[in-house]
Amino acid sequence: MTLTRVPDLDTLSLLLEIAASGSLSKAGASRGLSQPAVSARVRGLERLVGFAVLTRSARGSNLTPNGALLAEWARGVLAAADVLEAGIASLRSDRIARLRVAASLTVAEHLLPGWLVVLAATHPDTAVSLTAGNSDTTAAAVLAGDADLGFIEGPDLPSGLSAQVVATDRLVVVVAPAHPWAHRRKSVEAEELAATRLVHREAGSGTRTALDRALTPFGTPTQPLLEVSTSSGVRSAVIAGAGPAVLSDLAVHDDVAAGRLVQVPVHGVDLDRSLRAVWLTGQRPVGPAEDLLRLAVPERPRARRLPRSRARVR
């Protein structure tokens, strides 16, 4: 039997979230998707099934009669899928003794250790392997099946991955105490920041991509003063006096508190960003990966500094 007009489980789940919230943007926010991305998913669903599933108005989005019927059937399908998933997980429980995690450096260095300590307490027989890189390499590892769960900080979500926001983070400008910006009275304007040669992370880094995206309206990005492949390397270069840099607040908090770096106020540009967990679309994390995802999702969407404990990583 060929199921040519049956949507995938992730799309059906998204339809139910839209129905529950009455809003494309709210449904997308829980998955780290923009409103246009959710609209595109809905249009794809409507092309697949051959009828409209939503009506849109200034008050929100509501299911059409056919859409409501599809949603009702979807609930049954998703419930059956949960049963199937639980059954498969139980059959594989003796084999799920390894969890492969890939993460961008900010998450790997400042958030994951605390989560993994808690995970080790509930899964003492699970060996965790953690690969740290940039957002591009993390996404590639998940897509290739080399990681069960990934954590990225870049603004883009590659095709084939589903995502959930786990924290929000803020990029900040930092300089050495002897740098002229450390003593200025006025904030750095967005145009000035865009025109300044900075100590940068490498291309493909979530920090670099988010910064370039934020500064695009203020001019073509200037040539980097220096490119370094790790946040700690960027911090060291700035402390040594190489020049200004833009890094995660999580990465420089201790250096600023200790006076090794000075945080410079910036005006006119939004440097907030989302940190997201990612996994293969249609393959919701199970077992220890699911538990790690639950640990990572905050009660409120803000970045948290967790104790720098050593996780049981192998």
Protein backbone atom coordinates (compact mmCIF):
# COMPACT_ATOMS: atom_id res chain seq x y z
CA MET A 1 0.00 0.00 0.00
CA THR A 2 1.40 3.41 -1.02
CA LEU A 3 0.48 6.28 1.31
CA THR A 4 0.97 9.14 -1.14
CA ARG A 5 -1.19 11.67 0.72
CA VAL A 6 -0.31 10.88 4.33
CA PRO A 7 1.59 13.71 6.10
CA ASP A 8 4.60 12.90 8.26
CA LEU A 9 4.19 12.75 12.03
CA ASP A 10 6.06 16.00 12.67
CA THR A 11 3.71 17.92 10.36
CA LEU A 12 0.64 16.37 12.00
CA SER A 13 2.01 17.35 15.41
CA LEU A 14 2.56 20.91 14.16
CA LEU A 15 -1.05 21.04 12.92
CA LEU A 16 -2.30 20.11 16.39
CA GLU A 17 -0.10 22.80 17.98
CA ILE A 18 -1.56 25.40 15.61
CA ALA A 19 -5.07 24.21 16.43
CA ALA A 20 -4.39 24.42 20.18
CA SER A 21 -2.75 27.86 20.11
CA GLY A 22 -4.73 29.43 17.28
CA SER A 23 -1.50 31.02 16.08
CA LEU A 24 1.16 30.08 13.56
CA SER A 25 3.81 32.14 15.38
CA LYS A 26 3.09 30.56 18.78
CA ALA A 27 3.20 27.05 17.30
CA GLY A 28 6.48 27.87 15.59
CA ALA A 29 8.04 29.45 18.68
CA SER A 30 7.89 26.17 20.59
CA ARG A 31 9.89 24.53 17.80
CA GLY A 32 12.32 27.33 17.04
CA LEU A 33 10.60 28.03 13.71
CA SER A 34 9.64 31.41 12.30
CA GLN A 35 6.07 32.25 11.31
CA PRO A 36 6.96 32.15 7.57
CA ALA A 37 8.51 28.70 8.03
CA VAL A 38 5.34 27.42 9.71
CA SER A 39 3.22 28.95 6.92
CA ALA A 40 5.36 27.12 4.37
CA ARG A 41 4.85 23.84 6.25
CA VAL A 42 1.08 24.40 6.26
CA ARG A 43 1.04 25.17 2.53
CA GLY A 44 2.99 21.99 1.91
CA LEU A 45 0.49 20.04 3.99
CA GLU A 46 -2.43 21.53 2.06
CA ARG A 47 -0.80 20.64 -1.27
CA LEU A 48 -0.24 17.10 -0.06
CA VAL A 49 -3.78 16.43 1.19
CA GLY A 50 -5.50 18.47 -1.53
CA PHE A 51 -7.63 20.80 0.60
CA ALA A 52 -7.31 23.83 2.87
CA VAL A 53 -6.73 23.03 6.53
CA LEU A 54 -6.61 26.57 7.98
CA THR A 55 -8.42 29.85 7.64
CA ARG A 56 -6.42 32.94 8.61
CA SER A 57 -7.74 36.19 10.00
CA ALA A 58 -6.60 39.12 12.12
CA ARG A 59 -7.69 37.15 15.18
CA GLY A 60 -5.55 34.12 14.40
CA SER A 61 -5.71 30.82 12.53
CA ASN A 62 -8.57 28.36 12.77
CA LEU A 63 -9.09 24.91 11.32
CA THR A 64 -11.40 24.49 8.37
CA PRO A 65 -14.04 21.71 8.71
CA ASN A 66 -11.76 19.42 6.70
CA GLY A 67 -8.80 20.55 8.75
CA ALA A 68 -10.65 19.77 11.99
CA LEU A 69 -11.41 16.27 10.73
CA LEU A 70 -7.77 15.80 9.70
CA ALA A 71 -6.65 16.97 13.15
CA GLU A 72 -8.95 14.49 14.85
CA TRP A 73 -7.53 11.65 12.78
CA ALA A 74 -4.02 12.99 13.45
CA ARG A 75 -4.55 12.65 17.21
CA GLY A 76 -5.22 8.96 16.77
CA VAL A 77 -2.25 8.51 14.47
CA LEU A 78 0.11 10.31 16.87
CA ALA A 79 -1.21 8.35 19.85
CA ALA A 80 -0.61 5.10 17.95
CA ALA A 81 2.86 6.35 16.99
CA ASP A 82 3.63 7.00 20.67
CA VAL A 83 2.63 3.43 21.49
CA LEU A 84 4.79 2.14 18.65
CA GLU A 85 7.72 4.29 19.74
CA ALA A 86 7.42 3.12 23.35
CA GLY A 87 7.29 -0.50 22.19
CA ILE A 88 10.36 -0.13 20.02
CA ALA A 89 12.16 1.65 22.85
CA SER A 90 11.35 -1.17 25.25
CA LEU A 91 12.69 -3.74 22.80
CA ARG A 92 15.88 -1.70 22.40
CA SER A 93 16.27 -0.76 26.04
CA ASP A 94 19.11 -3.17 26.54
CA ARG A 95 20.93 -1.55 23.62
CA ILE A 96 20.38 2.09 24.54
CA ALA A 97 23.50 2.31 26.66
CA ARG A 98 25.14 5.04 24.63
CA LEU A 99 24.10 8.63 23.97
CA ARG A 100 25.88 10.64 21.30
CA VAL A 101 25.56 14.40 21.71
CA ALA A 102 26.91 17.10 19.41
CA ALA A 103 26.87 20.73 20.50
CA SER A 104 28.11 24.15 19.53
CA LEU A 105 30.85 25.42 21.81
CA THR A 106 28.77 27.85 23.86
CA VAL A 107 26.28 25.16 24.83
CA ALA A 108 28.97 22.49 25.24
CA GLU A 109 31.09 24.60 27.56
CA HIS A 110 28.52 26.47 29.62
CA LEU A 111 25.19 24.59 29.69
CA LEU A 112 25.64 20.92 28.85
CA PRO A 113 27.93 19.99 31.76
CA GLY A 114 25.21 20.71 34.32
CA TRP A 115 22.57 18.88 32.29
CA LEU A 116 24.83 15.85 31.87
CA VAL A 117 25.54 15.64 35.61
CA VAL A 118 21.80 15.36 36.28
CA LEU A 119 21.41 12.88 33.41
CA ALA A 120 24.19 10.69 34.80
CA ALA A 121 22.32 10.42 38.10
CA THR A 122 19.21 9.04 36.36
CA HIS A 123 21.06 6.98 33.72
CA PRO A 124 24.19 5.70 35.49
CA ASP A 125 24.70 2.92 32.93
CA THR A 126 24.56 5.24 29.92
CA ALA A 127 27.88 6.27 28.39
CA VAL A 128 27.69 9.78 26.95
CA SER A 129 29.96 10.95 24.16
CA LEU A 130 30.04 14.68 23.50
CA THR A 131 31.43 16.27 20.35
CA ALA A 132 31.86 20.04 20.44
CA GLY A 133 32.15 22.15 17.30
CA ASN A 134 30.32 25.01 15.65
CA SER A 135 26.64 25.10 14.71
CA ASP A 136 27.25 23.94 11.13
CA THR A 137 29.28 20.88 12.12
CA THR A 138 26.77 20.04 14.86
CA ALA A 139 23.84 20.11 12.43
CA ALA A 140 25.83 18.03 9.94
CA ALA A 141 26.56 15.40 12.61
CA VAL A 142 22.87 15.02 13.45
CA LEU A 143 21.86 14.87 9.77
CA ALA A 144 24.51 12.19 9.13
CA GLY A 145 23.27 10.07 12.03
CA ASP A 146 26.49 10.56 13.97
CA ALA A 147 24.69 12.23 16.90
CA ASP A 148 21.39 11.37 18.57
CA LEU A 149 20.81 14.95 19.68
CA GLY A 150 22.43 18.26 18.83
CA PHE A 151 22.49 21.76 20.27
CA ILE A 152 23.04 24.74 17.97
CA GLU A 153 23.24 28.50 18.42
CA GLY A 154 23.00 29.66 14.79
CA PRO A 155 19.86 31.38 13.47
CA ASP A 156 19.25 28.91 10.62
CA LEU A 157 17.66 25.46 10.86
CA PRO A 158 18.87 23.10 8.11
CA SER A 159 16.27 21.11 6.18
CA GLY A 160 15.69 17.68 7.68
CA LEU A 161 16.02 18.80 11.29
CA SER A 162 13.38 19.60 13.89
CA ALA A 163 14.20 21.93 16.74
CA GLN A 164 13.13 23.15 20.15
CA VAL A 165 14.33 26.29 21.88
CA VAL A 166 16.16 25.46 25.12
CA ALA A 167 17.44 28.91 26.11
CA THR A 168 17.94 32.46 24.95
CA ASP A 169 21.38 34.00 24.92
CA ARG A 170 22.79 37.49 24.41
CA LEU A 171 25.85 38.44 22.42
CA VAL A 172 27.96 41.18 24.02
CA VAL A 173 30.88 43.33 22.90
CA VAL A 174 34.02 42.93 25.00
CA VAL A 175 37.44 44.57 24.97
CA ALA A 176 40.60 44.50 27.04
CA PRO A 177 40.73 47.01 29.94
CA ALA A 178 43.35 49.06 28.07
CA HIS A 179 41.29 49.37 24.88
CA PRO A 180 39.85 52.87 24.15
CA TRP A 181 36.30 51.47 24.11
CA ALA A 182 36.70 50.42 27.74
CA HIS A 183 36.68 54.06 28.84
CA ARG A 184 34.17 55.64 26.47
CA ARG A 185 31.07 57.23 27.93
CA LYS A 186 28.72 56.54 25.01
CA SER A 187 27.46 53.22 23.69
CA VAL A 188 28.89 51.82 20.48
CA GLU A 189 26.36 52.39 17.70
CA ALA A 190 25.40 49.53 15.41
CA GLU A 191 26.94 51.25 12.38
CA GLU A 192 30.24 51.70 14.20
CA LEU A 193 30.28 48.07 15.29
CA ALA A 194 29.58 46.91 11.73
CA ALA A 195 32.48 49.03 10.45
CA THR A 196 34.96 47.81 13.08
CA ARG A 197 37.40 44.98 12.45
CA LEU A 198 36.73 42.41 15.17
CA VAL A 199 38.29 39.27 16.56
CA HIS A 200 35.85 36.72 15.14
CA ARG A 201 34.91 33.09 15.45
CA GLU A 202 35.31 31.11 12.23
CA ALA A 203 32.71 31.00 9.44
CA GLY A 204 30.04 28.42 10.34
CA SER A 205 30.06 29.42 13.98
CA GLY A 206 26.62 30.23 15.34
CA THR A 207 28.02 33.31 17.07
CA ARG A 208 29.58 34.59 13.82
CA THR A 209 26.45 33.89 11.78
CA ALA A 210 24.12 35.52 14.30
CA LEU A 211 26.33 38.62 14.49
CA ASP A 212 26.65 38.95 10.71
CA ARG A 213 22.88 38.60 10.36
CA ALA A 214 22.22 41.25 13.02
CA LEU A 215 24.67 43.75 11.50
CA THR A 216 23.69 43.25 7.83
CA PRO A 217 21.25 46.22 7.85
CA PHE A 218 24.10 48.50 8.98
CA GLY A 219 26.60 47.82 6.22
CA THR A 220 28.74 45.12 4.65
CA PRO A 221 30.68 43.20 7.34
CA THR A 222 34.32 44.29 7.50
CA GLN A 223 37.28 41.99 7.14
CA PRO A 224 37.95 40.20 10.46
CA LEU A 225 40.90 41.42 12.46
CA LEU A 226 41.54 37.81 13.48
CA GLU A 227 39.64 34.51 13.13
CA VAL A 228 39.80 31.97 15.96
CA SER A 229 38.04 28.61 16.05
CA THR A 230 37.07 28.61 19.75
CA SER A 231 35.42 31.06 22.12
CA SER A 232 38.23 30.61 24.63
CA GLY A 233 40.74 31.50 21.89
CA VAL A 234 38.79 34.65 21.05
CA ARG A 235 38.70 35.62 24.74
CA SER A 236 42.43 35.10 25.08
CA ALA A 237 43.13 37.21 21.99
CA VAL A 238 40.96 40.05 23.29
CA ILE A 239 42.53 39.92 26.75
CA ALA A 240 45.96 40.10 25.07
CA GLY A 241 44.86 43.33 23.38
CA ALA A 242 44.13 42.11 19.84
CA GLY A 243 40.91 44.12 19.57
CA PRO A 244 37.16 44.00 20.26
CA ALA A 245 35.07 40.85 19.92
CA VAL A 246 31.43 39.85 20.15
CA LEU A 247 30.81 36.70 22.18
CA SER A 248 28.10 35.02 24.20
CA ASP A 249 27.44 36.53 27.60
CA LEU A 250 27.75 32.98 28.94
CA ALA A 251 31.29 32.75 27.59
CA VAL A 252 32.62 36.05 28.98
CA HIS A 253 30.64 36.48 32.21
CA ASP A 254 33.46 35.32 34.49
CA ASP A 255 36.12 37.36 32.66
CA VAL A 256 34.01 40.53 32.91
CA ALA A 257 33.32 39.90 36.61
CA ALA A 258 37.06 39.42 37.24
CA GLY A 259 38.03 42.55 35.32
CA ARG A 260 39.96 40.71 32.62
CA LEU A 261 37.47 41.98 30.03
CA VAL A 262 35.23 45.04 29.85
CA GLN A 263 31.74 44.78 28.40
CA VAL A 264 30.91 47.70 26.10
CA PRO A 265 27.26 48.81 25.71
CA VAL A 266 25.86 48.67 22.17
CA HIS A 267 22.96 50.73 20.85
CA GLY A 268 20.70 50.17 17.86
CA VAL A 269 20.99 46.42 17.24
CA ASP A 270 19.35 43.38 18.82
CA LEU A 271 21.98 40.80 19.77
CA ASP A 272 19.66 38.31 21.49
CA ARG A 273 19.49 34.82 20.01
CA SER A 274 17.94 31.40 20.63
CA LEU A 275 19.83 28.25 21.56
CA ARG A 276 18.11 25.16 20.19
CA ALA A 277 18.14 21.39 20.46
CA VAL A 278 17.93 19.63 17.08
CA TRP A 279 17.16 16.11 15.92
CA LEU A 280 16.22 14.33 12.70
CA THR A 281 12.72 15.26 11.55
CA GLY A 282 10.30 12.42 12.20
CA GLN A 283 12.60 10.79 14.78
CA ARG A 284 11.73 12.38 18.10
CA PRO A 285 14.48 11.66 20.68
CA VAL A 286 13.85 8.62 22.90
CA GLY A 287 15.47 7.14 25.99
CA PRO A 288 18.39 9.15 27.44
CA ALA A 289 18.23 11.60 24.51
CA GLU A 290 14.62 12.42 25.37
CA ASP A 291 15.51 12.85 29.04
CA LEU A 292 18.41 15.16 28.16
CA LEU A 293 16.06 17.25 26.02
CA ARG A 294 13.66 17.56 28.94
CA LEU A 295 16.51 18.69 31.19
CA ALA A 296 17.55 21.30 28.65
CA VAL A 297 14.11 22.88 28.18
CA PRO A 298 13.82 25.71 30.71
CA GLU A 299 10.73 26.61 32.67
CA ARG A 300 11.11 30.12 31.29
CA PRO A 301 12.91 31.02 28.04
CA ARG A 302 16.11 32.52 29.40
CA ALA A 303 19.68 31.29 29.46
CA ARG A 304 20.81 29.85 32.78
CA ARG A 305 24.36 29.53 34.10
CA LEU A 306 24.64 26.07 35.59
CA PRO A 307 27.39 24.83 37.93
CA ARG A 308 30.54 23.87 36.09
CA SER A 309 30.47 20.27 37.24
CA ARG A 310 32.12 17.48 35.32
CA ALA A 311 29.63 15.26 33.44
CA ARG A 312 30.23 11.56 33.01
CA VAL A 313 31.43 11.88 29.42
CA ARG A 314 33.26 9.13 27.62
